[in-house]
Amino acid sequence: MALGRRRPDSEQGHGSGISIGGNNIAPLQNVVGQNISNVHQSASVESPTASVETVREFLAAFRTEVDRNGAVLPNAQVLRAMADSIDTSLTASDTPAVGALRGAMQALPALVAGTVVQQGGDALAHAIAGWLG
């Protein structure tokens, strides 16, 4: 039996250059080397039993995010108009309203992709999907 220090296995598969684990104490960076700050994380669960109140809560939070970040959003007016359309559609129960909600649910993730309101927009789309079931 050999005594002594165990040699760590050599790393295999050098790919992205990102290491997960270990004793990483440096600031977080994304894959292009930019520092990441002011990151907020949220999660939502799509549920076929989501209520209209849940959708309204996500809608209110999304509107707040859009208003707070409107100066840096290239499509802030479109997002505000979409939020208004969703709000109007939630009060109506006819077929066109459901169609408008489905359209918003499908378009919203693409409109918010890569923006500071992406998480809120995605959460709102998921809430609508869960409510429409």
N, C-alpha and C. Protein backbone atom coordinates (compact mmCIF):
# COMPACT_ATOMS: atom_id res chain seq x y z
N MET A 1 0.83 -1.16 0.00
CA MET A 1 0.00 0.00 0.00
C MET A 1 0.89 1.23 0.00
N ALA A 2 0.63 2.12 -0.88
CA ALA A 2 1.46 3.32 -1.01
C ALA A 2 0.87 4.45 -0.18
N LEU A 3 1.71 5.07 0.59
CA LEU A 3 1.28 6.21 1.38
C LEU A 3 1.78 7.48 0.74
N GLY A 4 1.07 8.54 0.99
CA GLY A 4 1.51 9.81 0.44
C GLY A 4 0.32 10.59 -0.08
N ARG A 5 0.64 11.65 -0.77
CA ARG A 5 -0.43 12.50 -1.30
C ARG A 5 -0.99 11.93 -2.59
N ARG A 6 -2.25 12.01 -2.71
CA ARG A 6 -2.94 11.53 -3.91
C ARG A 6 -2.80 12.56 -5.02
N ARG A 7 -2.43 12.10 -6.18
CA ARG A 7 -2.33 13.01 -7.32
C ARG A 7 -3.72 13.26 -7.88
N PRO A 8 -4.10 14.52 -8.07
CA PRO A 8 -5.41 14.78 -8.66
C PRO A 8 -5.42 14.33 -10.12
N ASP A 9 -6.57 13.84 -10.54
CA ASP A 9 -6.70 13.44 -11.93
C ASP A 9 -6.55 14.65 -12.83
N SER A 10 -5.94 14.44 -13.97
CA SER A 10 -5.78 15.56 -14.89
C SER A 10 -7.13 15.91 -15.50
N GLU A 11 -7.30 17.19 -15.78
CA GLU A 11 -8.57 17.65 -16.34
C GLU A 11 -8.68 17.18 -17.78
N GLN A 12 -9.88 16.82 -18.14
CA GLN A 12 -10.14 16.39 -19.50
C GLN A 12 -11.17 17.30 -20.11
N GLY A 13 -11.16 17.41 -21.41
CA GLY A 13 -12.19 18.13 -22.12
C GLY A 13 -12.14 19.63 -21.92
N HIS A 14 -11.08 20.26 -22.36
CA HIS A 14 -11.00 21.72 -22.27
C HIS A 14 -11.93 22.28 -23.33
N GLY A 15 -12.94 22.99 -22.91
CA GLY A 15 -13.92 23.51 -23.86
C GLY A 15 -14.08 25.00 -23.73
N SER A 16 -15.00 25.42 -22.89
CA SER A 16 -15.35 26.83 -22.79
C SER A 16 -14.39 27.62 -21.91
N GLY A 17 -13.59 26.96 -21.12
CA GLY A 17 -12.71 27.66 -20.21
C GLY A 17 -13.40 28.07 -18.93
N ILE A 18 -14.60 27.60 -18.70
CA ILE A 18 -15.35 27.93 -17.50
C ILE A 18 -15.25 26.75 -16.54
N SER A 19 -14.84 27.04 -15.32
CA SER A 19 -14.71 26.00 -14.32
C SER A 19 -15.80 26.18 -13.28
N ILE A 20 -16.50 25.14 -12.98
CA ILE A 20 -17.53 25.18 -11.95
C ILE A 20 -17.00 24.41 -10.75
N GLY A 21 -17.04 25.01 -9.61
CA GLY A 21 -16.55 24.33 -8.42
C GLY A 21 -15.18 24.84 -8.03
N GLY A 22 -14.57 24.17 -7.09
CA GLY A 22 -13.26 24.58 -6.63
C GLY A 22 -13.34 25.80 -5.74
N ASN A 23 -12.25 26.49 -5.63
CA ASN A 23 -12.18 27.66 -4.77
C ASN A 23 -12.10 28.90 -5.64
N ASN A 24 -13.17 29.21 -6.34
CA ASN A 24 -13.20 30.37 -7.22
C ASN A 24 -13.60 31.59 -6.43
N ILE A 25 -12.69 32.54 -6.29
CA ILE A 25 -12.99 33.73 -5.51
C ILE A 25 -13.03 34.98 -6.38
N ALA A 26 -12.78 34.86 -7.65
CA ALA A 26 -12.78 36.02 -8.54
C ALA A 26 -14.22 36.43 -8.84
N PRO A 27 -14.43 37.68 -9.28
CA PRO A 27 -15.79 38.10 -9.64
C PRO A 27 -16.31 37.27 -10.80
N LEU A 28 -17.61 37.09 -10.82
CA LEU A 28 -18.23 36.33 -11.91
C LEU A 28 -18.05 37.07 -13.22
N GLN A 29 -17.81 36.32 -14.26
CA GLN A 29 -17.73 36.90 -15.59
C GLN A 29 -18.53 36.03 -16.54
N ASN A 30 -19.11 36.67 -17.56
CA ASN A 30 -19.80 35.86 -18.54
C ASN A 30 -18.80 35.38 -19.58
N VAL A 31 -19.24 34.66 -20.58
CA VAL A 31 -18.33 34.00 -21.50
C VAL A 31 -17.55 34.97 -22.37
N VAL A 32 -17.95 36.22 -22.46
CA VAL A 32 -17.15 37.17 -23.24
C VAL A 32 -16.28 38.04 -22.34
N GLY A 33 -16.23 37.71 -21.05
CA GLY A 33 -15.32 38.36 -20.15
C GLY A 33 -15.85 39.61 -19.49
N GLN A 34 -17.11 39.92 -19.64
CA GLN A 34 -17.67 41.11 -19.01
C GLN A 34 -18.11 40.76 -17.59
N ASN A 35 -17.88 41.70 -16.67
CA ASN A 35 -18.33 41.48 -15.29
C ASN A 35 -19.84 41.49 -15.24
N ILE A 36 -20.38 40.64 -14.40
CA ILE A 36 -21.82 40.55 -14.23
C ILE A 36 -22.16 41.21 -12.89
N SER A 37 -23.06 42.18 -12.93
CA SER A 37 -23.49 42.81 -11.69
C SER A 37 -24.98 43.09 -11.77
N ASN A 38 -25.56 43.35 -10.64
CA ASN A 38 -27.00 43.62 -10.55
C ASN A 38 -27.84 42.52 -11.19
N VAL A 39 -27.48 41.28 -10.92
CA VAL A 39 -28.21 40.15 -11.47
C VAL A 39 -29.26 39.73 -10.48
N HIS A 40 -30.48 39.62 -10.95
CA HIS A 40 -31.58 39.17 -10.12
C HIS A 40 -32.08 37.86 -10.69
N GLN A 41 -32.34 36.92 -9.85
CA GLN A 41 -32.78 35.62 -10.30
C GLN A 41 -34.16 35.33 -9.75
N SER A 42 -34.99 34.79 -10.61
CA SER A 42 -36.32 34.41 -10.17
C SER A 42 -36.70 33.12 -10.87
N ALA A 43 -37.72 32.50 -10.36
CA ALA A 43 -38.19 31.26 -10.95
C ALA A 43 -39.71 31.27 -10.95
N SER A 44 -40.25 30.62 -11.93
CA SER A 44 -41.70 30.48 -11.95
C SER A 44 -42.03 29.06 -12.35
N VAL A 45 -43.16 28.64 -11.94
CA VAL A 45 -43.60 27.29 -12.25
C VAL A 45 -44.88 27.39 -13.06
N GLU A 46 -44.87 26.79 -14.24
CA GLU A 46 -46.07 26.76 -15.05
C GLU A 46 -47.04 25.78 -14.42
N SER A 47 -48.22 26.26 -14.15
CA SER A 47 -49.21 25.41 -13.52
C SER A 47 -50.53 25.59 -14.22
N PRO A 48 -51.18 24.51 -14.60
CA PRO A 48 -52.46 24.66 -15.27
C PRO A 48 -53.53 25.24 -14.35
N THR A 49 -53.23 25.38 -13.08
CA THR A 49 -54.20 25.94 -12.15
C THR A 49 -53.84 27.36 -11.74
N ALA A 50 -52.97 28.02 -12.49
CA ALA A 50 -52.62 29.40 -12.17
C ALA A 50 -53.86 30.28 -12.24
N SER A 51 -53.94 31.24 -11.36
CA SER A 51 -55.12 32.09 -11.32
C SER A 51 -54.86 33.40 -12.06
N VAL A 52 -55.92 34.10 -12.34
CA VAL A 52 -55.81 35.40 -12.99
C VAL A 52 -55.08 36.37 -12.06
N GLU A 53 -55.21 36.19 -10.76
CA GLU A 53 -54.51 37.05 -9.80
C GLU A 53 -52.99 36.85 -9.92
N THR A 54 -52.57 35.61 -10.12
CA THR A 54 -51.15 35.33 -10.31
C THR A 54 -50.63 36.03 -11.55
N VAL A 55 -51.38 35.95 -12.64
CA VAL A 55 -50.98 36.61 -13.88
C VAL A 55 -50.91 38.12 -13.65
N ARG A 56 -51.87 38.68 -12.95
CA ARG A 56 -51.88 40.12 -12.67
C ARG A 56 -50.66 40.53 -11.83
N GLU A 57 -50.26 39.68 -10.89
CA GLU A 57 -49.07 39.98 -10.08
C GLU A 57 -47.82 40.02 -10.95
N PHE A 58 -47.67 39.03 -11.84
CA PHE A 58 -46.53 39.03 -12.75
C PHE A 58 -46.59 40.22 -13.70
N LEU A 59 -47.78 40.58 -14.14
CA LEU A 59 -47.95 41.72 -15.03
C LEU A 59 -47.54 43.02 -14.33
N ALA A 60 -47.96 43.19 -13.09
CA ALA A 60 -47.59 44.38 -12.33
C ALA A 60 -46.07 44.46 -12.13
N ALA A 61 -45.45 43.34 -11.81
CA ALA A 61 -44.00 43.30 -11.63
C ALA A 61 -43.28 43.62 -12.94
N PHE A 62 -43.81 43.08 -14.05
CA PHE A 62 -43.21 43.33 -15.36
C PHE A 62 -43.33 44.82 -15.72
N ARG A 63 -44.48 45.41 -15.49
CA ARG A 63 -44.66 46.84 -15.78
C ARG A 63 -43.67 47.68 -14.98
N THR A 64 -43.48 47.33 -13.72
CA THR A 64 -42.53 48.05 -12.87
C THR A 64 -41.12 47.97 -13.44
N GLU A 65 -40.73 46.77 -13.88
CA GLU A 65 -39.40 46.58 -14.48
C GLU A 65 -39.25 47.42 -15.75
N VAL A 66 -40.28 47.41 -16.59
CA VAL A 66 -40.22 48.17 -17.85
C VAL A 66 -40.13 49.66 -17.54
N ASP A 67 -40.92 50.14 -16.60
CA ASP A 67 -40.87 51.56 -16.24
C ASP A 67 -39.51 51.95 -15.67
N ARG A 68 -38.95 51.09 -14.81
CA ARG A 68 -37.66 51.37 -14.18
C ARG A 68 -36.53 51.37 -15.20
N ASN A 69 -36.63 50.53 -16.22
CA ASN A 69 -35.53 50.38 -17.18
C ASN A 69 -35.87 50.92 -18.57
N GLY A 70 -36.94 51.68 -18.68
CA GLY A 70 -37.39 52.17 -19.97
C GLY A 70 -36.34 52.91 -20.78
N ALA A 71 -35.46 53.63 -20.11
CA ALA A 71 -34.45 54.42 -20.81
C ALA A 71 -33.45 53.55 -21.57
N VAL A 72 -33.24 52.31 -21.14
CA VAL A 72 -32.26 51.45 -21.80
C VAL A 72 -32.91 50.36 -22.65
N LEU A 73 -34.23 50.34 -22.69
CA LEU A 73 -34.93 49.34 -23.49
C LEU A 73 -35.23 49.90 -24.88
N PRO A 74 -34.77 49.22 -25.91
CA PRO A 74 -35.02 49.73 -27.26
C PRO A 74 -36.49 49.62 -27.67
N ASN A 75 -37.26 48.78 -27.02
CA ASN A 75 -38.65 48.57 -27.39
C ASN A 75 -39.59 48.78 -26.20
N ALA A 76 -39.28 49.75 -25.37
CA ALA A 76 -40.07 50.00 -24.16
C ALA A 76 -41.53 50.30 -24.49
N GLN A 77 -41.77 51.08 -25.54
CA GLN A 77 -43.16 51.42 -25.90
C GLN A 77 -43.93 50.18 -26.32
N VAL A 78 -43.29 49.29 -27.05
CA VAL A 78 -43.94 48.04 -27.48
C VAL A 78 -44.27 47.19 -26.26
N LEU A 79 -43.34 47.11 -25.31
CA LEU A 79 -43.56 46.31 -24.11
C LEU A 79 -44.68 46.89 -23.25
N ARG A 80 -44.73 48.22 -23.18
CA ARG A 80 -45.83 48.86 -22.43
C ARG A 80 -47.18 48.58 -23.10
N ALA A 81 -47.20 48.68 -24.43
CA ALA A 81 -48.44 48.40 -25.18
C ALA A 81 -48.86 46.95 -25.01
N MET A 82 -47.89 46.05 -25.00
CA MET A 82 -48.22 44.64 -24.81
C MET A 82 -48.77 44.41 -23.41
N ALA A 83 -48.19 45.06 -22.41
CA ALA A 83 -48.70 44.93 -21.05
C ALA A 83 -50.14 45.45 -20.96
N ASP A 84 -50.42 46.56 -21.63
CA ASP A 84 -51.79 47.09 -21.65
C ASP A 84 -52.74 46.11 -22.33
N SER A 85 -52.29 45.51 -23.42
CA SER A 85 -53.12 44.53 -24.14
C SER A 85 -53.40 43.31 -23.27
N ILE A 86 -52.39 42.85 -22.55
CA ILE A 86 -52.58 41.70 -21.65
C ILE A 86 -53.59 42.06 -20.57
N ASP A 87 -53.45 43.26 -20.00
CA ASP A 87 -54.36 43.70 -18.95
C ASP A 87 -55.80 43.76 -19.46
N THR A 88 -55.98 44.31 -20.64
CA THR A 88 -57.32 44.38 -21.24
C THR A 88 -57.87 42.99 -21.51
N SER A 89 -57.04 42.11 -22.00
CA SER A 89 -57.48 40.75 -22.34
C SER A 89 -57.84 39.94 -21.09
N LEU A 90 -57.21 40.26 -19.97
CA LEU A 90 -57.52 39.54 -18.73
C LEU A 90 -58.92 39.86 -18.22
N THR A 91 -59.41 41.05 -18.54
CA THR A 91 -60.74 41.44 -18.08
C THR A 91 -61.84 40.89 -18.98
N ALA A 92 -61.51 40.55 -20.22
CA ALA A 92 -62.49 39.99 -21.15
C ALA A 92 -62.37 38.48 -21.15
N SER A 93 -63.44 37.80 -21.45
CA SER A 93 -63.39 36.34 -21.45
C SER A 93 -63.79 35.76 -22.80
N ASP A 94 -63.78 36.61 -23.82
CA ASP A 94 -64.20 36.13 -25.13
C ASP A 94 -63.03 35.53 -25.90
N THR A 95 -63.33 34.93 -27.03
CA THR A 95 -62.33 34.24 -27.84
C THR A 95 -61.22 35.17 -28.32
N PRO A 96 -61.52 36.39 -28.79
CA PRO A 96 -60.42 37.28 -29.20
C PRO A 96 -59.46 37.60 -28.06
N ALA A 97 -59.98 37.73 -26.84
CA ALA A 97 -59.12 38.01 -25.70
C ALA A 97 -58.17 36.86 -25.44
N VAL A 98 -58.68 35.64 -25.52
CA VAL A 98 -57.83 34.47 -25.32
C VAL A 98 -56.77 34.40 -26.43
N GLY A 99 -57.17 34.72 -27.65
CA GLY A 99 -56.21 34.75 -28.76
C GLY A 99 -55.13 35.80 -28.55
N ALA A 100 -55.52 36.96 -28.03
CA ALA A 100 -54.54 38.01 -27.75
C ALA A 100 -53.57 37.58 -26.67
N LEU A 101 -54.08 36.89 -25.65
CA LEU A 101 -53.20 36.39 -24.58
C LEU A 101 -52.23 35.34 -25.11
N ARG A 102 -52.73 34.46 -25.96
CA ARG A 102 -51.84 33.45 -26.54
C ARG A 102 -50.77 34.11 -27.41
N GLY A 103 -51.15 35.13 -28.17
CA GLY A 103 -50.18 35.86 -28.99
C GLY A 103 -49.13 36.55 -28.15
N ALA A 104 -49.56 37.18 -27.05
CA ALA A 104 -48.62 37.85 -26.16
C ALA A 104 -47.69 36.84 -25.50
N MET A 105 -48.26 35.70 -25.11
CA MET A 105 -47.48 34.65 -24.46
C MET A 105 -46.37 34.15 -25.40
N GLN A 106 -46.67 34.07 -26.68
CA GLN A 106 -45.68 33.59 -27.65
C GLN A 106 -44.67 34.67 -28.04
N ALA A 107 -45.11 35.93 -28.14
CA ALA A 107 -44.24 37.00 -28.60
C ALA A 107 -43.35 37.57 -27.51
N LEU A 108 -43.83 37.57 -26.30
CA LEU A 108 -43.12 38.23 -25.20
C LEU A 108 -41.69 37.72 -24.99
N PRO A 109 -41.45 36.41 -24.96
CA PRO A 109 -40.06 35.97 -24.75
C PRO A 109 -39.08 36.49 -25.81
N ALA A 110 -39.51 36.58 -27.05
CA ALA A 110 -38.63 37.10 -28.10
C ALA A 110 -38.40 38.60 -27.93
N LEU A 111 -39.41 39.32 -27.49
CA LEU A 111 -39.27 40.77 -27.31
C LEU A 111 -38.36 41.14 -26.15
N VAL A 112 -38.29 40.31 -25.14
CA VAL A 112 -37.48 40.63 -23.97
C VAL A 112 -36.13 39.93 -23.98
N ALA A 113 -35.89 39.07 -24.94
CA ALA A 113 -34.64 38.30 -24.98
C ALA A 113 -33.43 39.24 -24.99
N GLY A 114 -32.52 38.99 -24.08
CA GLY A 114 -31.28 39.76 -24.01
C GLY A 114 -31.43 41.14 -23.38
N THR A 115 -32.57 41.44 -22.80
CA THR A 115 -32.77 42.74 -22.17
C THR A 115 -32.77 42.60 -20.65
N VAL A 116 -32.79 43.73 -19.97
CA VAL A 116 -32.79 43.71 -18.51
C VAL A 116 -34.13 43.25 -17.94
N VAL A 117 -35.15 43.17 -18.77
CA VAL A 117 -36.48 42.73 -18.32
C VAL A 117 -36.80 41.31 -18.80
N GLN A 118 -35.80 40.58 -19.23
CA GLN A 118 -36.02 39.24 -19.77
C GLN A 118 -36.66 38.31 -18.75
N GLN A 119 -36.16 38.30 -17.53
CA GLN A 119 -36.70 37.37 -16.54
C GLN A 119 -38.16 37.68 -16.22
N GLY A 120 -38.48 38.96 -16.08
CA GLY A 120 -39.85 39.34 -15.80
C GLY A 120 -40.79 39.02 -16.95
N GLY A 121 -40.33 39.25 -18.17
CA GLY A 121 -41.15 38.94 -19.35
C GLY A 121 -41.36 37.45 -19.51
N ASP A 122 -40.31 36.69 -19.28
CA ASP A 122 -40.44 35.22 -19.37
C ASP A 122 -41.38 34.70 -18.28
N ALA A 123 -41.27 35.25 -17.08
CA ALA A 123 -42.13 34.82 -15.98
C ALA A 123 -43.59 35.15 -16.29
N LEU A 124 -43.83 36.32 -16.88
CA LEU A 124 -45.19 36.70 -17.25
C LEU A 124 -45.74 35.76 -18.32
N ALA A 125 -44.94 35.45 -19.32
CA ALA A 125 -45.37 34.52 -20.37
C ALA A 125 -45.70 33.15 -19.79
N HIS A 126 -44.89 32.68 -18.85
CA HIS A 126 -45.15 31.38 -18.21
C HIS A 126 -46.43 31.41 -17.38
N ALA A 127 -46.65 32.54 -16.71
CA ALA A 127 -47.87 32.66 -15.90
C ALA A 127 -49.11 32.64 -16.80
N ILE A 128 -49.03 33.33 -17.93
CA ILE A 128 -50.16 33.32 -18.88
C ILE A 128 -50.40 31.91 -19.39
N ALA A 129 -49.32 31.22 -19.74
CA ALA A 129 -49.43 29.85 -20.23
C ALA A 129 -50.07 28.95 -19.17
N GLY A 130 -49.67 29.13 -17.93
CA GLY A 130 -50.24 28.33 -16.86
C GLY A 130 -51.71 28.64 -16.62
N TRP A 131 -52.08 29.90 -16.78
CA TRP A 131 -53.48 30.27 -16.58
C TRP A 131 -54.36 29.77 -17.73
N LEU A 132 -53.84 29.87 -18.96
CA LEU A 132 -54.62 29.39 -20.10
C LEU A 132 -54.70 27.88 -20.11
N GLY A 133 -53.68 27.24 -19.51
CA GLY A 133 -53.65 25.78 -19.37
C GLY A 133 -53.82 25.11 -20.63
